[in-house]
Amino acid sequence: MAIIYEESGRVFTLQTSTSSYQMKAGEHDVLLHLYYGEKIEL
């Protein structure tokens, strides 16, 4: 599993060989769900 952090958008991506999960740190530092599903290419 890979964990990728994009500092500019405060987006975290967790990737397995077949799926992706993305979340973002919102303005009050609360994690917001963005995407869960088939693997996306970054």
Protein backbone atom coordinates (compact mmCIF):
# COMPACT_ATOMS: atom_id res chain seq x y z
CA MET A 1 0.00 0.00 0.00
CA ALA A 2 1.25 3.49 -0.85
CA ILE A 3 0.45 6.70 1.01
CA ILE A 4 0.83 9.90 -1.01
CA TYR A 5 0.49 13.41 0.44
CA GLU A 6 -0.04 16.48 -1.76
CA GLU A 7 0.91 19.42 0.44
CA SER A 8 -0.55 22.14 -1.82
CA GLY A 9 -4.10 20.76 -1.54
CA ARG A 10 -3.62 18.91 1.77
CA VAL A 11 -4.83 15.72 0.05
CA PHE A 12 -3.91 12.24 1.26
CA THR A 13 -4.17 9.28 -1.12
CA LEU A 14 -3.99 5.66 0.04
CA GLN A 15 -3.49 3.21 -2.82
CA THR A 16 -3.52 -0.55 -3.09
CA SER A 17 -3.00 -2.50 -6.29
CA THR A 18 -6.72 -2.23 -7.11
CA SER A 19 -8.23 0.67 -5.14
CA SER A 20 -7.69 4.26 -4.03
CA TYR A 21 -8.96 6.27 -1.08
CA GLN A 22 -8.57 10.04 -0.99
CA MET A 23 -9.22 12.43 1.86
CA LYS A 24 -8.43 16.08 2.49
CA ALA A 25 -7.62 18.05 5.63
CA GLY A 26 -10.34 20.70 5.71
CA GLU A 27 -10.06 24.25 7.00
CA HIS A 28 -10.56 23.11 10.62
CA ASP A 29 -8.11 20.20 10.20
CA VAL A 30 -10.92 17.66 9.95
CA LEU A 31 -10.43 14.87 7.39
CA LEU A 32 -12.97 15.07 4.56
CA HIS A 33 -13.74 12.05 2.38
CA LEU A 34 -13.09 12.71 -1.33
CA TYR A 35 -12.99 9.36 -3.14
CA TYR A 36 -13.05 5.63 -2.63
CA GLY A 37 -13.13 3.16 -5.49
CA GLU A 38 -11.14 1.81 -8.41
CA LYS A 39 -7.48 2.74 -8.48
CA ILE A 40 -6.83 6.19 -9.93
CA GLU A 41 -3.59 7.21 -11.59
CA LEU A 42 -1.93 10.27 -10.10
